[in-house]
Amino acid sequence: MKKLLFFLLISIISYTSTYAQDPIVIKQDSSVRDLDVEQDVRELPFRQRIRIGGGIGGLQFGNPTVISVSPMVGYQVTNDFTAGLAVDYQYTKYTGYTALNLYGPRLFGQYRLQFLESILSRAFAQAEIQKYYASSGGQSLDYNMQTLAGLGLGYGGFQITALYNFSYSANGLNSPYSSPVVIRVGGFFF
């Protein structure tokens, strides 16, 4: 009986592998390209290469209250590289103290890491420079230029990025961050 079951199993496996179909490629009637192949964005008009998005972070209510928003716009230079500009704003308020407003521009570049896509879907490297200013109770503070780089993951329009701030100093006078590691959540939604 065992030999018969073994023979049937081997027969079924060999039959299915022998008569298995080739993958089916579906094309639309007017399509001139394979839908499984990513279209080269350099063929698209300027307007279709613009990406709009942003992030909301640091939401905390109580002591301190922290609210952070960061709208951004990017331009998809190639299928793998996007460059863009963001404007960051953060409001921080401790009970009994004057509120701190932190704001400034941020230039960034993202490069998709295709060699990691079999392990991590939509992994990318990101580098950016930023200049922040702060104001509190009529006084202003001008932070040094910040240089950050790191890795991120994206799914759909959603992205999470871990960056290292190369301009960080422990005394806190040169950097608006309390740590050299900066985590961002957001993405391109349009």
N, C-alpha and C. Protein backbone atom coordinates (compact mmCIF):
# COMPACT_ATOMS: atom_id res chain seq x y z
N MET A 1 0.82 -1.20 0.00
CA MET A 1 0.00 0.00 0.00
C MET A 1 0.87 1.26 0.00
N LYS A 2 1.95 1.24 0.81
CA LYS A 2 2.85 2.39 0.86
C LYS A 2 3.51 2.63 -0.48
N LYS A 3 3.86 1.53 -1.18
CA LYS A 3 4.49 1.67 -2.49
C LYS A 3 3.52 2.29 -3.49
N LEU A 4 2.25 1.90 -3.39
CA LEU A 4 1.24 2.43 -4.29
C LEU A 4 1.03 3.93 -4.04
N LEU A 5 0.94 4.35 -2.78
CA LEU A 5 0.80 5.76 -2.45
C LEU A 5 2.02 6.56 -2.90
N PHE A 6 3.21 6.01 -2.70
CA PHE A 6 4.44 6.68 -3.13
C PHE A 6 4.44 6.84 -4.65
N PHE A 7 4.05 5.78 -5.38
CA PHE A 7 3.99 5.83 -6.84
C PHE A 7 2.98 6.88 -7.31
N LEU A 8 1.79 6.95 -6.67
CA LEU A 8 0.79 7.95 -7.03
C LEU A 8 1.30 9.37 -6.77
N LEU A 9 1.96 9.58 -5.66
CA LEU A 9 2.50 10.91 -5.32
C LEU A 9 3.54 11.34 -6.36
N ILE A 10 4.44 10.46 -6.71
CA ILE A 10 5.47 10.77 -7.72
C ILE A 10 4.81 11.04 -9.07
N SER A 11 3.80 10.28 -9.42
CA SER A 11 3.10 10.48 -10.70
C SER A 11 2.41 11.83 -10.76
N ILE A 12 1.75 12.22 -9.66
CA ILE A 12 1.05 13.51 -9.63
C ILE A 12 2.05 14.65 -9.74
N ILE A 13 3.15 14.57 -9.01
CA ILE A 13 4.17 15.62 -9.05
C ILE A 13 4.76 15.75 -10.44
N SER A 14 5.09 14.63 -11.06
CA SER A 14 5.69 14.69 -12.40
C SER A 14 4.67 15.19 -13.43
N TYR A 15 3.40 14.81 -13.28
CA TYR A 15 2.36 15.28 -14.20
C TYR A 15 2.18 16.79 -14.10
N THR A 16 2.09 17.33 -12.87
CA THR A 16 1.88 18.77 -12.72
C THR A 16 3.09 19.56 -13.18
N SER A 17 4.29 19.05 -12.98
CA SER A 17 5.45 19.80 -13.43
C SER A 17 5.60 19.73 -14.95
N THR A 18 5.16 18.64 -15.55
CA THR A 18 5.26 18.49 -17.00
C THR A 18 4.26 19.39 -17.72
N TYR A 19 3.05 19.51 -17.20
CA TYR A 19 1.99 20.25 -17.87
C TYR A 19 1.70 21.61 -17.23
N ALA A 20 2.61 22.09 -16.43
CA ALA A 20 2.43 23.41 -15.82
C ALA A 20 2.48 24.48 -16.90
N GLN A 21 1.68 25.49 -16.75
CA GLN A 21 1.62 26.56 -17.74
C GLN A 21 2.74 27.56 -17.52
N ASP A 22 3.12 28.20 -18.61
CA ASP A 22 4.01 29.34 -18.51
C ASP A 22 3.21 30.49 -17.90
N PRO A 23 3.90 31.44 -17.23
CA PRO A 23 3.15 32.57 -16.66
C PRO A 23 2.41 33.33 -17.76
N ILE A 24 1.24 33.79 -17.42
CA ILE A 24 0.41 34.53 -18.36
C ILE A 24 0.70 36.02 -18.19
N VAL A 25 1.01 36.70 -19.28
CA VAL A 25 1.25 38.14 -19.27
C VAL A 25 0.01 38.79 -19.85
N ILE A 26 -0.60 39.64 -19.06
CA ILE A 26 -1.82 40.31 -19.49
C ILE A 26 -1.48 41.70 -19.99
N LYS A 27 -1.91 42.00 -21.19
CA LYS A 27 -1.72 43.32 -21.77
C LYS A 27 -3.07 43.91 -22.09
N GLN A 28 -3.17 45.20 -21.91
CA GLN A 28 -4.40 45.87 -22.32
C GLN A 28 -4.41 45.94 -23.84
N ASP A 29 -5.61 46.13 -24.39
CA ASP A 29 -5.73 46.14 -25.85
C ASP A 29 -4.82 47.17 -26.50
N SER A 30 -4.74 48.36 -25.93
CA SER A 30 -3.93 49.40 -26.55
C SER A 30 -2.53 49.48 -25.95
N SER A 31 -2.18 48.53 -25.13
CA SER A 31 -0.89 48.57 -24.45
C SER A 31 0.23 48.18 -25.41
N VAL A 32 1.32 48.91 -25.32
CA VAL A 32 2.48 48.59 -26.14
C VAL A 32 3.63 48.08 -25.29
N ARG A 33 3.37 47.93 -23.96
CA ARG A 33 4.44 47.46 -23.09
C ARG A 33 3.90 46.39 -22.14
N ASP A 34 4.78 45.59 -21.59
CA ASP A 34 4.45 44.56 -20.62
C ASP A 34 4.09 45.24 -19.30
N LEU A 35 2.94 44.92 -18.72
CA LEU A 35 2.49 45.57 -17.49
C LEU A 35 3.32 45.15 -16.28
N ASP A 36 4.08 44.06 -16.38
CA ASP A 36 4.94 43.63 -15.27
C ASP A 36 6.25 44.42 -15.22
N VAL A 37 6.56 45.14 -16.26
CA VAL A 37 7.79 45.92 -16.33
C VAL A 37 7.49 47.35 -15.89
N GLU A 38 8.28 47.85 -14.96
CA GLU A 38 8.08 49.21 -14.46
C GLU A 38 8.39 50.22 -15.56
N GLN A 39 7.47 51.17 -15.76
CA GLN A 39 7.65 52.19 -16.78
C GLN A 39 8.77 53.15 -16.35
N ASP A 40 9.59 53.55 -17.28
CA ASP A 40 10.66 54.50 -17.01
C ASP A 40 10.04 55.88 -16.80
N VAL A 41 10.24 56.48 -15.61
CA VAL A 41 9.62 57.77 -15.31
C VAL A 41 10.18 58.89 -16.17
N ARG A 42 11.34 58.70 -16.75
CA ARG A 42 11.90 59.74 -17.61
C ARG A 42 11.07 59.96 -18.86
N GLU A 43 10.18 59.02 -19.16
CA GLU A 43 9.28 59.16 -20.30
C GLU A 43 8.02 59.95 -19.94
N LEU A 44 7.79 60.18 -18.65
CA LEU A 44 6.59 60.87 -18.19
C LEU A 44 6.78 62.39 -18.25
N PRO A 45 5.69 63.14 -18.40
CA PRO A 45 5.81 64.60 -18.35
C PRO A 45 6.16 65.07 -16.93
N PHE A 46 6.67 66.28 -16.82
CA PHE A 46 7.13 66.85 -15.56
C PHE A 46 6.08 66.72 -14.46
N ARG A 47 4.87 67.07 -14.75
CA ARG A 47 3.79 67.09 -13.75
C ARG A 47 3.56 65.72 -13.12
N GLN A 48 3.70 64.65 -13.89
CA GLN A 48 3.47 63.30 -13.38
C GLN A 48 4.65 62.78 -12.55
N ARG A 49 5.75 63.49 -12.57
CA ARG A 49 6.92 63.06 -11.79
C ARG A 49 7.00 63.76 -10.43
N ILE A 50 6.08 64.68 -10.17
CA ILE A 50 6.03 65.40 -8.89
C ILE A 50 5.34 64.52 -7.85
N ARG A 51 5.92 64.44 -6.66
CA ARG A 51 5.35 63.68 -5.54
C ARG A 51 5.08 64.64 -4.40
N ILE A 52 3.89 64.57 -3.82
CA ILE A 52 3.52 65.45 -2.71
C ILE A 52 3.18 64.59 -1.50
N GLY A 53 3.66 65.01 -0.35
CA GLY A 53 3.40 64.25 0.86
C GLY A 53 3.76 65.04 2.09
N GLY A 54 4.15 64.33 3.11
CA GLY A 54 4.52 64.98 4.35
C GLY A 54 4.47 64.02 5.51
N GLY A 55 4.56 64.58 6.69
CA GLY A 55 4.52 63.76 7.88
C GLY A 55 4.00 64.54 9.07
N ILE A 56 3.44 63.82 9.99
CA ILE A 56 3.04 64.38 11.27
C ILE A 56 3.78 63.56 12.31
N GLY A 57 4.47 64.22 13.19
CA GLY A 57 5.24 63.47 14.17
C GLY A 57 5.31 64.18 15.49
N GLY A 58 5.84 63.51 16.47
CA GLY A 58 6.05 64.10 17.77
C GLY A 58 4.77 64.51 18.46
N LEU A 59 3.65 63.88 18.09
CA LEU A 59 2.39 64.27 18.72
C LEU A 59 2.39 63.81 20.17
N GLN A 60 2.37 64.76 21.06
CA GLN A 60 2.36 64.47 22.49
C GLN A 60 1.59 65.58 23.17
N PHE A 61 0.70 65.22 24.06
CA PHE A 61 -0.10 66.20 24.77
C PHE A 61 0.09 66.00 26.27
N GLY A 62 0.22 67.09 26.99
CA GLY A 62 0.48 67.03 28.42
C GLY A 62 1.65 67.94 28.73
N ASN A 63 2.65 67.38 29.40
CA ASN A 63 3.85 68.16 29.73
C ASN A 63 5.09 67.38 29.31
N PRO A 64 5.68 67.65 28.18
CA PRO A 64 5.40 68.76 27.28
C PRO A 64 4.33 68.41 26.25
N THR A 65 3.79 69.43 25.64
CA THR A 65 2.94 69.28 24.47
C THR A 65 3.83 69.50 23.25
N VAL A 66 3.83 68.54 22.34
CA VAL A 66 4.67 68.62 21.14
C VAL A 66 3.80 68.30 19.93
N ILE A 67 3.82 69.17 18.95
CA ILE A 67 3.11 68.94 17.69
C ILE A 67 4.08 69.27 16.56
N SER A 68 4.23 68.34 15.62
CA SER A 68 5.19 68.53 14.54
C SER A 68 4.53 68.19 13.20
N VAL A 69 4.68 69.06 12.21
CA VAL A 69 4.18 68.81 10.86
C VAL A 69 5.30 69.10 9.86
N SER A 70 5.25 68.38 8.75
CA SER A 70 6.31 68.53 7.76
C SER A 70 5.78 68.24 6.36
N PRO A 71 5.21 69.24 5.66
CA PRO A 71 4.82 69.02 4.27
C PRO A 71 6.06 68.93 3.38
N MET A 72 5.98 68.11 2.33
CA MET A 72 7.13 67.97 1.44
C MET A 72 6.68 67.73 0.01
N VAL A 73 7.55 68.09 -0.90
CA VAL A 73 7.34 67.87 -2.32
C VAL A 73 8.62 67.27 -2.89
N GLY A 74 8.47 66.28 -3.76
CA GLY A 74 9.63 65.63 -4.36
C GLY A 74 9.48 65.54 -5.86
N TYR A 75 10.60 65.34 -6.52
CA TYR A 75 10.63 65.17 -7.97
C TYR A 75 11.31 63.85 -8.26
N GLN A 76 10.63 62.94 -8.95
CA GLN A 76 11.19 61.63 -9.26
C GLN A 76 12.09 61.76 -10.48
N VAL A 77 13.39 61.85 -10.21
CA VAL A 77 14.38 62.05 -11.26
C VAL A 77 14.49 60.80 -12.13
N THR A 78 14.61 59.64 -11.49
CA THR A 78 14.62 58.35 -12.18
C THR A 78 13.68 57.42 -11.41
N ASN A 79 13.56 56.18 -11.86
CA ASN A 79 12.72 55.22 -11.13
C ASN A 79 13.24 54.98 -9.72
N ASP A 80 14.54 55.15 -9.50
CA ASP A 80 15.15 54.85 -8.21
C ASP A 80 15.48 56.08 -7.38
N PHE A 81 15.55 57.26 -7.96
CA PHE A 81 16.01 58.44 -7.23
C PHE A 81 14.96 59.55 -7.22
N THR A 82 14.68 60.06 -6.00
CA THR A 82 13.76 61.18 -5.81
C THR A 82 14.47 62.25 -5.00
N ALA A 83 14.38 63.49 -5.45
CA ALA A 83 14.96 64.63 -4.72
C ALA A 83 13.82 65.56 -4.34
N GLY A 84 13.97 66.24 -3.21
CA GLY A 84 12.87 67.11 -2.82
C GLY A 84 13.18 68.09 -1.71
N LEU A 85 12.13 68.81 -1.32
CA LEU A 85 12.21 69.86 -0.31
C LEU A 85 11.07 69.66 0.68
N ALA A 86 11.37 69.83 1.97
CA ALA A 86 10.35 69.78 3.02
C ALA A 86 10.50 71.01 3.89
N VAL A 87 9.43 71.40 4.53
CA VAL A 87 9.45 72.49 5.49
C VAL A 87 8.93 71.91 6.80
N ASP A 88 9.78 71.93 7.82
CA ASP A 88 9.43 71.36 9.11
C ASP A 88 9.00 72.46 10.08
N TYR A 89 8.00 72.13 10.90
CA TYR A 89 7.57 73.03 11.97
C TYR A 89 7.25 72.18 13.20
N GLN A 90 7.77 72.61 14.35
CA GLN A 90 7.50 71.90 15.60
C GLN A 90 7.16 72.91 16.69
N TYR A 91 6.07 72.63 17.39
CA TYR A 91 5.63 73.45 18.51
C TYR A 91 5.86 72.63 19.78
N THR A 92 6.58 73.19 20.76
CA THR A 92 6.84 72.52 22.03
C THR A 92 6.48 73.46 23.17
N LYS A 93 5.71 72.96 24.12
CA LYS A 93 5.28 73.79 25.25
C LYS A 93 5.35 72.97 26.53
N TYR A 94 6.19 73.44 27.48
CA TYR A 94 6.24 72.88 28.82
C TYR A 94 5.36 73.73 29.74
N THR A 95 4.71 73.11 30.68
CA THR A 95 3.86 73.84 31.62
C THR A 95 4.71 74.85 32.40
N GLY A 96 4.25 76.10 32.41
CA GLY A 96 4.95 77.15 33.15
C GLY A 96 6.06 77.83 32.36
N TYR A 97 6.31 77.39 31.13
CA TYR A 97 7.36 78.00 30.31
C TYR A 97 6.77 78.52 29.01
N THR A 98 7.51 79.39 28.35
CA THR A 98 7.09 79.93 27.06
C THR A 98 7.24 78.84 25.99
N ALA A 99 6.33 78.81 25.04
CA ALA A 99 6.37 77.82 23.96
C ALA A 99 7.60 78.04 23.07
N LEU A 100 8.11 76.95 22.51
CA LEU A 100 9.24 76.99 21.58
C LEU A 100 8.71 76.62 20.20
N ASN A 101 9.01 77.45 19.21
CA ASN A 101 8.65 77.19 17.81
C ASN A 101 9.93 76.89 17.05
N LEU A 102 10.01 75.70 16.47
CA LEU A 102 11.17 75.27 15.70
C LEU A 102 10.72 75.10 14.25
N TYR A 103 11.46 75.69 13.29
CA TYR A 103 11.05 75.63 11.90
C TYR A 103 12.27 75.72 11.00
N GLY A 104 12.11 75.25 9.77
CA GLY A 104 13.19 75.36 8.80
C GLY A 104 13.02 74.46 7.61
N PRO A 105 13.80 74.73 6.54
CA PRO A 105 13.74 73.92 5.32
C PRO A 105 14.65 72.69 5.43
N ARG A 106 14.31 71.70 4.61
CA ARG A 106 15.09 70.46 4.57
C ARG A 106 15.16 69.99 3.12
N LEU A 107 16.36 69.80 2.57
CA LEU A 107 16.57 69.23 1.24
C LEU A 107 16.92 67.76 1.41
N PHE A 108 16.31 66.89 0.60
CA PHE A 108 16.57 65.46 0.77
C PHE A 108 16.69 64.76 -0.58
N GLY A 109 17.31 63.61 -0.54
CA GLY A 109 17.39 62.72 -1.69
C GLY A 109 17.15 61.30 -1.21
N GLN A 110 16.33 60.56 -1.95
CA GLN A 110 16.06 59.15 -1.64
C GLN A 110 16.46 58.30 -2.82
N TYR A 111 17.18 57.21 -2.52
CA TYR A 111 17.58 56.28 -3.58
C TYR A 111 17.08 54.88 -3.22
N ARG A 112 16.25 54.31 -4.07
CA ARG A 112 15.69 52.98 -3.84
C ARG A 112 16.78 51.92 -3.95
N LEU A 113 16.82 51.03 -2.99
CA LEU A 113 17.83 49.96 -2.94
C LEU A 113 17.22 48.68 -3.50
N GLN A 114 17.29 48.52 -4.83
CA GLN A 114 16.65 47.39 -5.49
C GLN A 114 17.25 46.05 -5.07
N PHE A 115 18.53 46.03 -4.71
CA PHE A 115 19.16 44.77 -4.35
C PHE A 115 18.62 44.20 -3.04
N LEU A 116 17.92 45.01 -2.26
CA LEU A 116 17.31 44.54 -1.00
C LEU A 116 15.84 44.17 -1.15
N GLU A 117 15.25 44.37 -2.33
CA GLU A 117 13.82 44.18 -2.48
C GLU A 117 13.36 42.75 -2.30
N SER A 118 14.24 41.77 -2.47
CA SER A 118 13.84 40.38 -2.21
C SER A 118 13.69 40.13 -0.71
N ILE A 119 14.35 40.94 0.12
CA ILE A 119 14.27 40.80 1.57
C ILE A 119 13.33 41.84 2.16
N LEU A 120 13.55 43.10 1.80
CA LEU A 120 12.77 44.23 2.32
C LEU A 120 12.13 44.97 1.15
N SER A 121 10.83 44.97 1.10
CA SER A 121 10.14 45.66 0.02
C SER A 121 10.31 47.17 0.14
N ARG A 122 10.70 47.80 -0.94
CA ARG A 122 10.82 49.26 -1.05
C ARG A 122 11.78 49.87 -0.02
N ALA A 123 12.93 49.25 0.15
CA ALA A 123 13.97 49.83 1.01
C ALA A 123 14.66 50.95 0.24
N PHE A 124 15.07 52.00 0.97
CA PHE A 124 15.73 53.12 0.32
C PHE A 124 16.76 53.73 1.26
N ALA A 125 17.74 54.39 0.66
CA ALA A 125 18.71 55.18 1.41
C ALA A 125 18.29 56.64 1.28
N GLN A 126 18.49 57.41 2.35
CA GLN A 126 18.10 58.81 2.31
C GLN A 126 19.22 59.65 2.91
N ALA A 127 19.49 60.78 2.28
CA ALA A 127 20.43 61.77 2.81
C ALA A 127 19.75 63.13 2.74
N GLU A 128 20.07 63.98 3.71
CA GLU A 128 19.45 65.30 3.72
C GLU A 128 20.29 66.30 4.48
N ILE A 129 20.04 67.55 4.14
CA ILE A 129 20.61 68.67 4.90
C ILE A 129 19.44 69.54 5.32
N GLN A 130 19.58 70.17 6.50
CA GLN A 130 18.50 71.00 7.00
C GLN A 130 19.05 72.15 7.81
N LYS A 131 18.29 73.20 7.85
CA LYS A 131 18.65 74.39 8.62
C LYS A 131 17.45 74.76 9.46
N TYR A 132 17.64 74.77 10.77
CA TYR A 132 16.53 75.05 11.68
C TYR A 132 16.75 76.35 12.43
N TYR A 133 15.63 76.98 12.71
CA TYR A 133 15.59 78.19 13.51
C TYR A 133 14.59 77.95 14.64
N ALA A 134 14.78 78.62 15.75
CA ALA A 134 13.85 78.49 16.87
C ALA A 134 13.53 79.86 17.42
N SER A 135 12.29 80.01 17.88
CA SER A 135 11.90 81.26 18.53
C SER A 135 11.10 80.91 19.78
N SER A 136 11.34 81.70 20.83
CA SER A 136 10.64 81.48 22.09
C SER A 136 10.60 82.78 22.86
N GLY A 137 9.40 83.28 23.11
CA GLY A 137 9.25 84.49 23.92
C GLY A 137 10.00 85.69 23.38
N GLY A 138 10.00 85.89 22.08
CA GLY A 138 10.67 87.04 21.49
C GLY A 138 12.15 86.82 21.23
N GLN A 139 12.73 85.72 21.70
CA GLN A 139 14.14 85.41 21.44
C GLN A 139 14.21 84.40 20.30
N SER A 140 15.28 84.47 19.53
CA SER A 140 15.45 83.51 18.44
C SER A 140 16.80 82.81 18.56
N LEU A 141 16.85 81.61 18.00
CA LEU A 141 18.04 80.78 18.01
C LEU A 141 18.26 80.24 16.61
N ASP A 142 19.49 80.28 16.16
CA ASP A 142 19.85 79.82 14.82
C ASP A 142 20.74 78.58 14.98
N TYR A 143 20.21 77.38 14.64
CA TYR A 143 21.00 76.15 14.75
C TYR A 143 21.94 76.02 13.56
N ASN A 144 23.02 75.27 13.76
CA ASN A 144 23.95 74.98 12.67
C ASN A 144 23.26 74.10 11.63
N MET A 145 23.82 74.07 10.42
CA MET A 145 23.32 73.21 9.36
C MET A 145 23.45 71.76 9.84
N GLN A 146 22.39 70.97 9.63
CA GLN A 146 22.37 69.57 10.05
C GLN A 146 22.53 68.68 8.82
N THR A 147 23.33 67.62 8.93
CA THR A 147 23.54 66.65 7.86
C THR A 147 23.12 65.28 8.39
N LEU A 148 22.16 64.64 7.73
CA LEU A 148 21.64 63.36 8.18
C LEU A 148 21.66 62.36 7.03
N ALA A 149 21.80 61.08 7.36
CA ALA A 149 21.75 60.01 6.37
C ALA A 149 21.28 58.74 7.05
N GLY A 150 20.59 57.89 6.29
CA GLY A 150 20.13 56.64 6.87
C GLY A 150 19.34 55.81 5.88
N LEU A 151 18.56 54.89 6.43
CA LEU A 151 17.79 53.94 5.64
C LEU A 151 16.31 54.04 5.99
N GLY A 152 15.47 53.64 5.03
CA GLY A 152 14.04 53.65 5.27
C GLY A 152 13.35 52.52 4.55
N LEU A 153 12.10 52.32 4.94
CA LEU A 153 11.23 51.33 4.30
C LEU A 153 9.95 52.03 3.90
N GLY A 154 9.42 51.65 2.75
CA GLY A 154 8.18 52.23 2.29
C GLY A 154 7.20 51.16 1.87
N TYR A 155 5.93 51.47 2.04
CA TYR A 155 4.88 50.59 1.55
C TYR A 155 3.74 51.48 1.07
N GLY A 156 3.42 51.41 -0.20
CA GLY A 156 2.46 52.36 -0.76
C GLY A 156 3.06 53.74 -0.65
N GLY A 157 2.37 54.68 -0.09
CA GLY A 157 2.92 56.01 0.13
C GLY A 157 3.58 56.16 1.49
N PHE A 158 3.34 55.21 2.41
CA PHE A 158 3.83 55.29 3.78
C PHE A 158 5.33 54.97 3.84
N GLN A 159 6.08 55.75 4.62
CA GLN A 159 7.51 55.53 4.79
C GLN A 159 7.90 55.71 6.26
N ILE A 160 8.85 54.90 6.70
CA ILE A 160 9.48 55.11 8.00
C ILE A 160 10.99 55.12 7.75
N THR A 161 11.66 56.14 8.30
CA THR A 161 13.08 56.34 8.03
C THR A 161 13.83 56.52 9.34
N ALA A 162 14.99 55.86 9.43
CA ALA A 162 15.89 56.03 10.57
C ALA A 162 17.16 56.72 10.03
N LEU A 163 17.46 57.90 10.56
CA LEU A 163 18.58 58.69 10.09
C LEU A 163 19.57 58.93 11.22
N TYR A 164 20.84 59.09 10.87
CA TYR A 164 21.87 59.46 11.84
C TYR A 164 22.26 60.91 11.57
N ASN A 165 22.26 61.74 12.61
CA ASN A 165 22.61 63.15 12.49
C ASN A 165 24.12 63.30 12.71
N PHE A 166 24.85 63.55 11.64
CA PHE A 166 26.30 63.70 11.71
C PHE A 166 26.71 65.03 12.35
N SER A 167 25.77 65.95 12.49
CA SER A 167 26.05 67.26 13.09
C SER A 167 25.68 67.32 14.57
N TYR A 168 25.27 66.21 15.14
CA TYR A 168 24.82 66.18 16.53
C TYR A 168 25.97 66.46 17.49
N SER A 169 25.66 67.23 18.53
CA SER A 169 26.62 67.43 19.62
C SER A 169 25.88 67.23 20.93
N ALA A 170 26.54 66.64 21.90
CA ALA A 170 25.91 66.28 23.17
C ALA A 170 25.46 67.50 23.97
N ASN A 171 26.09 68.66 23.76
CA ASN A 171 25.69 69.83 24.54
C ASN A 171 24.37 70.43 24.07
N GLY A 172 23.87 70.02 22.90
CA GLY A 172 22.56 70.45 22.42
C GLY A 172 22.50 71.85 21.84
N LEU A 173 23.61 72.56 21.82
CA LEU A 173 23.58 73.93 21.31
C LEU A 173 23.59 73.99 19.79
N ASN A 174 24.14 72.97 19.16
CA ASN A 174 24.27 73.00 17.70
C ASN A 174 23.20 72.20 16.98
N SER A 175 22.37 71.45 17.71
CA SER A 175 21.40 70.57 17.09
C SER A 175 20.04 70.69 17.78
N PRO A 176 18.97 70.68 17.01
CA PRO A 176 17.64 70.74 17.62
C PRO A 176 17.18 69.37 18.15
N TYR A 177 17.95 68.33 17.90
CA TYR A 177 17.56 66.98 18.29
C TYR A 177 18.20 66.60 19.63
N SER A 178 17.49 65.76 20.39
CA SER A 178 18.01 65.32 21.68
C SER A 178 18.83 64.04 21.56
N SER A 179 18.97 63.50 20.34
CA SER A 179 19.71 62.28 20.08
C SER A 179 20.28 62.35 18.67
N PRO A 180 21.38 61.63 18.41
CA PRO A 180 21.89 61.61 17.03
C PRO A 180 21.04 60.77 16.09
N VAL A 181 20.15 59.94 16.63
CA VAL A 181 19.27 59.11 15.80
C VAL A 181 17.93 59.81 15.66
N VAL A 182 17.49 59.99 14.41
CA VAL A 182 16.24 60.68 14.11
C VAL A 182 15.33 59.70 13.35
N ILE A 183 14.13 59.50 13.86
CA ILE A 183 13.14 58.62 13.22
C ILE A 183 12.05 59.50 12.61
N ARG A 184 11.72 59.24 11.34
CA ARG A 184 10.68 60.00 10.65
C ARG A 184 9.61 59.05 10.12
N VAL A 185 8.37 59.49 10.20
CA VAL A 185 7.23 58.75 9.66
C VAL A 185 6.46 59.69 8.76
N GLY A 186 6.10 59.23 7.58
CA GLY A 186 5.37 60.06 6.64
C GLY A 186 5.39 59.41 5.28
N GLY A 187 5.51 60.21 4.24
CA GLY A 187 5.64 59.65 2.91
C GLY A 187 5.03 60.52 1.84
N PHE A 188 5.04 59.96 0.62
CA PHE A 188 4.45 60.64 -0.53
C PHE A 188 3.09 60.01 -0.78
N PHE A 189 2.06 60.85 -0.82
CA PHE A 189 0.71 60.34 -0.93
C PHE A 189 0.04 60.68 -2.27
N PHE A 190 0.62 61.62 -3.01
CA PHE A 190 0.05 62.00 -4.32
C PHE A 190 1.15 62.02 -5.35
